[in-house]
Amino acid sequence: MSQISSKPVSARVLDAAIAWQLSLDSGDGSAVEHEEFNKWLASNEEHARAWRQLGMLDQRFCVASGPARAALLQSRESIRRRVRKLGSGLASVVLVCGLALFAGQRYVPINYWLADQRTATGEQRTLKLADGTLINLNTHSAIDVRFDEKRRVIVLQDGEILVETGHNDARPFVVETRDGSLRALGTRFIVKREDNGTRLSVLQSAVAAQPEALHQEQVFKEGQQVLMRHDGLGPLLTVTPGSDAWTRGMLVVDNARLGDVVEELGRYRSGYLGVDKNVADLRITGSFPLQDTDLALNALLPTLPVQIQQRTPWWVTVVPKVAGNP
């Protein structure tokens, strides 16, 4: 298998690929549905990579009477009921385990399911640790807590957290990800796992960042943001206003790309949420509720020339508005 094919795909794209496989394998897909699938497949290299990985997984688990194949061939309604009950269902669990065979431990979902603390898609939670530290877990996030006599360590396996460190403990407080470590200097900060690195946003005080492949830290102060990769640090940016609004159940954006807003909303709902490339670059400013993403999507309609195309509750796309539609 080539290095390109084995590169992990994002959780959202994997979810979309799973949804397409379940739909097409059900045997009742229309010609229009097949045409839509081909458009999705060709629209992005990551889509094609996810589909190739699913195909490889099928080859590994393609036993006619086996549980993995049986799960994939269940009716869509049965799969939906299972997913609502179990979070991602037997099919997704098998897919995750299979992908781990050739993507290795860099592929996050295995660590997500084994983590000490985690949130489901759309769920947010606040934890108070033994040292007084408060940690807000955003949607579909997972952490391991590793405190010992010398250090307080949080391992962010997936998603996003806001940390407000406890101050009555002399042990260093560190957040670790696959890209490196972030040492708190008496502070409040956000750490977010992204496809191409770990994003640090310092809200108060300062944080020392050390990429995995380097041997020295760089300190970032209040109001600064940076993307930490395994082998280095990205350019210094300014923390955007409202970056912690998700802890209050809101997404706040200022002149943001519609494509980026839709992608962010997609983190808070199950299934596929996409945007047509013809409207993805439209700009929008506003506040959107994260606990009701349907309401958030409908809030786009008064200000942008778009409409919401909903094939199923799990397959929604923001598309250009058709002339004559209200």
Protein backbone atom coordinates (compact mmCIF):
# COMPACT_ATOMS: atom_id res chain seq x y z
CA MET A 1 0.00 0.00 0.00
CA SER A 2 1.33 3.45 -0.90
CA GLN A 3 2.18 6.08 1.69
CA ILE A 4 -0.57 8.32 0.27
CA SER A 5 -3.22 5.62 0.61
CA SER A 6 -2.21 4.84 4.20
CA LYS A 7 -2.25 8.47 5.36
CA PRO A 8 -5.04 8.85 7.95
CA VAL A 9 -8.16 10.74 6.92
CA SER A 10 -10.15 13.12 9.09
CA ALA A 11 -12.98 11.74 11.21
CA ARG A 12 -15.57 13.79 9.32
CA VAL A 13 -14.48 12.48 5.92
CA LEU A 14 -14.37 8.93 7.27
CA ASP A 15 -17.93 9.36 8.58
CA ALA A 16 -19.03 10.53 5.14
CA ALA A 17 -17.36 7.57 3.44
CA ILE A 18 -19.03 5.17 5.88
CA ALA A 19 -22.40 6.78 5.19
CA TRP A 20 -21.91 6.38 1.44
CA GLN A 21 -20.86 2.75 1.80
CA LEU A 22 -23.90 1.95 3.92
CA SER A 23 -26.15 3.70 1.44
CA LEU A 24 -24.69 2.07 -1.68
CA ASP A 25 -24.42 -1.38 -0.12
CA SER A 26 -28.10 -1.32 0.79
CA GLY A 27 -28.90 -1.96 -2.88
CA ASP A 28 -31.72 0.57 -3.21
CA GLY A 29 -29.66 3.60 -4.28
CA SER A 30 -31.06 5.58 -7.19
CA ALA A 31 -29.13 6.76 -10.24
CA VAL A 32 -29.18 10.25 -8.75
CA GLU A 33 -27.63 8.95 -5.55
CA HIS A 34 -24.86 7.21 -7.49
CA GLU A 35 -24.23 10.41 -9.42
CA GLU A 36 -24.01 12.38 -6.15
CA PHE A 37 -21.58 9.82 -4.77
CA ASN A 38 -19.33 10.11 -7.83
CA LYS A 39 -19.32 13.91 -7.44
CA TRP A 40 -18.38 13.58 -3.76
CA LEU A 41 -15.65 11.07 -4.58
CA ALA A 42 -14.08 13.30 -7.24
CA SER A 43 -14.37 16.57 -5.33
CA ASN A 44 -11.45 16.00 -2.94
CA GLU A 45 -8.38 13.78 -2.80
CA GLU A 46 -9.10 12.96 0.86
CA HIS A 47 -12.55 11.62 -0.15
CA ALA A 48 -10.91 9.27 -2.63
CA ARG A 49 -8.30 8.22 -0.08
CA ALA A 50 -10.98 7.42 2.51
CA TRP A 51 -12.88 5.34 -0.05
CA ARG A 52 -9.72 3.42 -0.99
CA GLN A 53 -9.06 2.68 2.67
CA LEU A 54 -12.61 1.39 3.10
CA GLY A 55 -12.05 -0.83 0.08
CA MET A 56 -8.89 -2.25 1.61
CA LEU A 57 -10.77 -2.85 4.82
CA ASP A 58 -13.48 -4.72 2.94
CA GLN A 59 -10.81 -7.02 1.50
CA ARG A 60 -9.55 -7.76 5.02
CA PHE A 61 -13.02 -8.45 6.42
CA CYS A 62 -14.82 -9.76 3.34
CA VAL A 63 -16.24 -12.99 4.76
CA ALA A 64 -19.78 -13.48 3.51
CA SER A 65 -21.18 -14.55 6.86
CA GLY A 66 -18.83 -12.45 8.99
CA PRO A 67 -20.13 -9.81 11.41
CA ALA A 68 -18.34 -6.90 9.73
CA ARG A 69 -19.90 -7.54 6.31
CA ALA A 70 -23.27 -8.29 7.85
CA ALA A 71 -23.19 -4.96 9.68
CA LEU A 72 -22.42 -3.07 6.48
CA LEU A 73 -25.27 -4.76 4.63
CA GLN A 74 -27.96 -3.97 7.18
CA SER A 75 -30.70 -1.60 6.11
CA ARG A 76 -29.98 2.11 6.57
CA GLU A 77 -32.74 2.46 9.15
CA SER A 78 -31.31 -0.39 11.20
CA ILE A 79 -27.85 1.18 11.05
CA ARG A 80 -29.26 4.54 12.13
CA ARG A 81 -30.95 2.99 15.16
CA ARG A 82 -27.73 1.24 16.10
CA VAL A 83 -25.66 4.41 15.70
CA ARG A 84 -28.08 6.48 17.80
CA LYS A 85 -27.81 3.88 20.54
CA LEU A 86 -24.09 3.08 20.45
CA GLY A 87 -22.54 6.29 19.16
CA SER A 88 -20.87 4.94 16.02
CA GLY A 89 -22.23 1.42 15.70
CA LEU A 90 -20.62 -1.92 14.97
CA ALA A 91 -19.73 -0.95 11.42
CA SER A 92 -17.74 2.10 12.51
CA VAL A 93 -16.00 0.19 15.30
CA VAL A 94 -14.92 -2.51 12.83
CA LEU A 95 -13.83 0.15 10.33
CA VAL A 96 -11.77 1.92 12.97
CA CYS A 97 -10.09 -1.30 14.07
CA GLY A 98 -9.38 -2.28 10.47
CA LEU A 99 -7.94 1.11 9.55
CA ALA A 100 -5.69 0.91 12.60
CA LEU A 101 -4.08 -2.20 11.09
CA PHE A 102 -2.58 -0.15 8.29
CA ALA A 103 -2.70 3.43 9.61
CA GLY A 104 -1.01 2.60 12.91
CA GLN A 105 -1.39 4.43 16.20
CA ARG A 106 -1.38 7.80 14.42
CA TYR A 107 -5.02 7.15 13.57
CA VAL A 108 -6.94 8.69 16.45
CA PRO A 109 -10.23 6.75 16.99
CA ILE A 110 -8.59 3.78 18.73
CA ASN A 111 -7.13 6.12 21.35
CA TYR A 112 -10.42 7.99 21.51
CA TRP A 113 -12.36 4.91 22.56
CA LEU A 114 -9.71 3.88 25.12
CA ALA A 115 -9.30 7.34 26.68
CA ASP A 116 -9.92 8.07 30.37
CA GLN A 117 -12.45 10.80 29.58
CA ARG A 118 -14.28 11.51 26.32
CA THR A 119 -17.29 13.30 24.89
CA ALA A 120 -19.59 12.13 22.11
CA THR A 121 -20.36 14.13 18.99
CA GLY A 122 -22.27 17.24 20.06
CA GLU A 123 -21.50 16.71 23.75
CA GLN A 124 -19.51 19.12 25.93
CA ARG A 125 -18.39 18.54 29.49
CA THR A 126 -16.39 20.24 32.26
CA LEU A 127 -14.06 18.24 34.50
CA LYS A 128 -12.45 19.33 37.76
CA LEU A 129 -9.22 17.45 38.43
CA ALA A 130 -7.70 16.61 41.81
CA ASP A 131 -5.32 19.60 41.64
CA GLY A 132 -8.17 22.06 41.01
CA THR A 133 -7.59 22.30 37.25
CA LEU A 134 -10.74 22.79 35.16
CA ILE A 135 -10.90 21.18 31.73
CA ASN A 136 -13.69 21.84 29.23
CA LEU A 137 -13.97 19.06 26.67
CA ASN A 138 -15.49 20.11 23.36
CA THR A 139 -17.45 17.87 21.00
CA HIS A 140 -15.94 14.43 20.25
CA SER A 141 -12.88 14.98 22.42
CA ALA A 142 -10.82 12.57 24.48
CA ILE A 143 -8.10 12.90 27.11
CA ASP A 144 -5.96 10.71 29.34
CA VAL A 145 -5.02 12.01 32.79
CA ARG A 146 -1.53 11.01 33.92
CA PHE A 147 -0.61 12.62 37.22
CA ASP A 148 2.37 11.38 39.24
CA GLU A 149 4.76 12.73 41.87
CA LYS A 150 6.72 14.81 39.36
CA ARG A 151 4.29 16.04 36.69
CA ARG A 152 0.66 16.66 35.86
CA VAL A 153 0.10 15.47 32.29
CA ILE A 154 -3.00 15.58 30.11
CA VAL A 155 -2.79 13.64 26.84
CA LEU A 156 -5.18 15.07 24.24
CA GLN A 157 -6.07 12.11 22.06
CA ASP A 158 -8.71 13.82 19.95
CA GLY A 159 -10.76 16.99 19.72
CA GLU A 160 -10.38 20.21 21.68
CA ILE A 161 -10.03 21.28 25.31
CA LEU A 162 -9.92 24.51 27.26
CA VAL A 163 -7.63 24.30 30.29
CA GLU A 164 -7.66 26.51 33.37
CA THR A 165 -4.83 25.23 35.53
CA GLY A 166 -4.96 24.87 39.30
CA HIS A 167 -2.44 27.15 41.02
CA ASN A 168 -1.76 25.40 44.34
CA ASP A 169 0.44 22.65 42.92
CA ALA A 170 4.17 23.00 42.22
CA ARG A 171 4.31 20.15 39.70
CA PRO A 172 4.61 21.22 36.03
CA PHE A 173 1.33 21.02 34.10
CA VAL A 174 1.73 19.70 30.55
CA VAL A 175 -0.66 18.90 27.70
CA GLU A 176 0.76 16.33 25.30
CA THR A 177 -0.39 15.46 21.77
CA ARG A 178 1.19 13.44 18.97
CA ASP A 179 2.80 16.70 17.77
CA GLY A 180 4.59 17.67 20.99
CA SER A 181 4.03 19.14 24.45
CA LEU A 182 2.57 22.37 25.86
CA ARG A 183 3.71 23.47 29.33
CA ALA A 184 1.38 25.81 31.17
CA LEU A 185 2.88 28.85 32.87
CA GLY A 186 -0.02 29.57 35.21
CA THR A 187 -2.58 30.03 32.51
CA ARG A 188 -5.85 29.53 30.62
CA PHE A 189 -5.52 28.15 27.10
CA ILE A 190 -7.14 26.10 24.33
CA VAL A 191 -5.58 23.07 22.66
CA LYS A 192 -7.16 21.67 19.50
CA ARG A 193 -6.13 18.64 17.47
CA GLU A 194 -6.28 19.36 13.74
CA ASP A 195 -5.44 17.23 10.72
CA ASN A 196 -2.10 18.98 10.18
CA GLY A 197 -1.04 19.70 13.76
CA THR A 198 -2.06 20.92 17.21
CA ARG A 199 -3.42 24.46 17.56
CA LEU A 200 -2.60 26.41 20.72
CA SER A 201 -4.56 29.54 21.68
CA VAL A 202 -3.34 31.34 24.82
CA LEU A 203 -6.16 33.19 26.57
CA GLN A 204 -4.31 34.18 29.75
CA SER A 205 -0.68 34.25 30.91
CA ALA A 206 1.64 32.07 28.77
CA VAL A 207 2.35 28.54 27.47
CA ALA A 208 5.68 26.98 26.43
CA ALA A 209 5.39 24.85 23.27
CA GLN A 210 7.87 22.14 22.29
CA PRO A 211 7.35 20.19 19.04
CA GLU A 212 8.11 16.49 19.32
CA ALA A 213 11.15 16.61 17.01
CA LEU A 214 12.77 19.67 18.63
CA HIS A 215 14.69 20.03 21.89
CA GLN A 216 13.71 23.53 22.96
CA GLU A 217 10.56 25.36 23.98
CA GLN A 218 9.11 28.58 22.66
CA VAL A 219 6.90 30.67 24.92
CA PHE A 220 3.62 32.11 23.63
CA LYS A 221 1.84 34.85 25.53
CA GLU A 222 -1.74 35.92 26.09
CA GLY A 223 -3.59 36.63 22.86
CA GLN A 224 -1.21 34.56 20.70
CA GLN A 225 -2.02 31.49 18.64
CA VAL A 226 0.19 28.98 16.83
CA LEU A 227 -0.04 25.65 15.04
CA MET A 228 2.42 23.13 16.45
CA ARG A 229 3.52 20.41 14.07
CA HIS A 230 5.69 17.39 14.85
CA ASP A 231 8.76 19.10 13.35
CA GLY A 232 8.17 22.78 14.05
CA LEU A 233 5.88 25.73 14.72
CA GLY A 234 3.72 27.64 12.29
CA PRO A 235 3.50 31.43 12.00
CA LEU A 236 2.45 33.48 15.02
CA LEU A 237 -1.22 34.48 14.84
CA THR A 238 -3.62 36.49 16.99
CA VAL A 239 -6.31 34.66 18.94
CA THR A 240 -9.63 35.36 17.27
CA PRO A 241 -12.41 36.98 19.33
CA GLY A 242 -14.85 34.41 20.61
CA SER A 243 -12.40 31.52 20.32
CA ASP A 244 -13.69 30.18 23.65
CA ALA A 245 -17.37 30.83 22.85
CA TRP A 246 -17.88 27.09 22.34
CA THR A 247 -17.65 26.67 26.12
CA ARG A 248 -20.88 28.72 26.25
CA GLY A 249 -22.51 26.73 23.44
CA MET A 250 -21.89 29.24 20.66
CA LEU A 251 -19.82 29.54 17.49
CA VAL A 252 -18.75 33.16 16.95
CA VAL A 253 -17.22 34.14 13.58
CA ASP A 254 -16.16 37.41 12.00
CA ASN A 255 -15.90 37.57 8.20
CA ALA A 256 -15.27 33.82 8.05
CA ARG A 257 -15.50 31.58 4.99
CA LEU A 258 -18.81 29.78 4.78
CA GLY A 259 -16.91 26.56 4.08
CA ASP A 260 -14.99 26.91 7.34
CA VAL A 261 -18.17 27.70 9.30
CA VAL A 262 -19.97 24.67 7.89
CA GLU A 263 -16.96 22.46 8.60
CA GLU A 264 -16.92 23.66 12.21
CA LEU A 265 -20.67 23.07 12.64
CA GLY A 266 -20.14 19.59 11.22
CA ARG A 267 -18.07 18.70 14.29
CA TYR A 268 -21.21 18.98 16.42
CA ARG A 269 -23.54 16.66 14.49
CA SER A 270 -23.48 13.06 13.33
CA GLY A 271 -23.29 12.20 9.66
CA TYR A 272 -22.15 14.34 6.75
CA LEU A 273 -22.48 18.13 6.61
CA GLY A 274 -20.99 19.63 3.46
CA VAL A 275 -20.98 22.79 1.39
CA ASP A 276 -21.10 23.27 -2.37
CA LYS A 277 -17.80 24.64 -3.69
CA ASN A 278 -19.68 27.41 -5.51
CA VAL A 279 -20.67 29.03 -2.21
CA ALA A 280 -17.85 27.83 0.07
CA ASP A 281 -15.93 31.11 -0.25
CA LEU A 282 -18.82 33.37 0.75
CA ARG A 283 -18.08 35.37 3.92
CA ILE A 284 -20.24 35.55 7.01
CA THR A 285 -20.24 37.18 10.44
CA GLY A 286 -22.43 36.07 13.32
CA SER A 287 -23.11 33.81 16.29
CA PHE A 288 -24.53 30.32 15.88
CA PRO A 289 -25.86 27.83 18.48
CA LEU A 290 -23.83 24.64 18.68
CA GLN A 291 -26.47 22.61 20.52
CA ASP A 292 -28.91 23.02 17.60
CA THR A 293 -26.97 22.88 14.36
CA ASP A 294 -30.17 22.78 12.28
CA LEU A 295 -31.09 26.16 13.75
CA ALA A 296 -27.54 27.37 13.07
CA LEU A 297 -27.79 26.31 9.41
CA ASN A 298 -31.15 28.00 8.98
CA ALA A 299 -29.60 31.20 10.36
CA LEU A 300 -27.47 31.33 7.20
CA LEU A 301 -30.47 31.72 4.92
CA PRO A 302 -31.47 35.37 5.54
CA THR A 303 -27.99 36.73 4.82
CA LEU A 304 -26.49 34.45 2.16
CA PRO A 305 -27.74 33.23 -1.26
CA VAL A 306 -27.85 29.61 -0.12
CA GLN A 307 -30.32 26.90 0.77
CA ILE A 308 -30.13 23.73 2.84
CA GLN A 309 -30.36 20.47 0.91
CA GLN A 310 -31.27 17.60 3.25
CA ARG A 311 -31.30 14.12 1.75
CA THR A 312 -31.54 12.42 5.16
CA PRO A 313 -31.02 13.66 8.72
CA TRP A 314 -27.47 12.39 8.32
CA TRP A 315 -26.71 13.89 4.90
CA VAL A 316 -27.02 17.67 4.64
CA THR A 317 -25.40 20.08 2.18
CA VAL A 318 -25.39 23.87 1.93
CA VAL A 319 -25.92 24.67 -1.76
CA PRO A 320 -26.52 27.79 -3.92
CA LYS A 321 -30.03 29.18 -3.70
CA VAL A 322 -32.18 28.29 -6.70
CA ALA A 323 -33.87 31.26 -8.34
CA GLY A 324 -37.53 31.43 -7.37
CA ASN A 325 -37.14 29.57 -4.08
CA PRO A 326 -38.32 31.54 -1.04
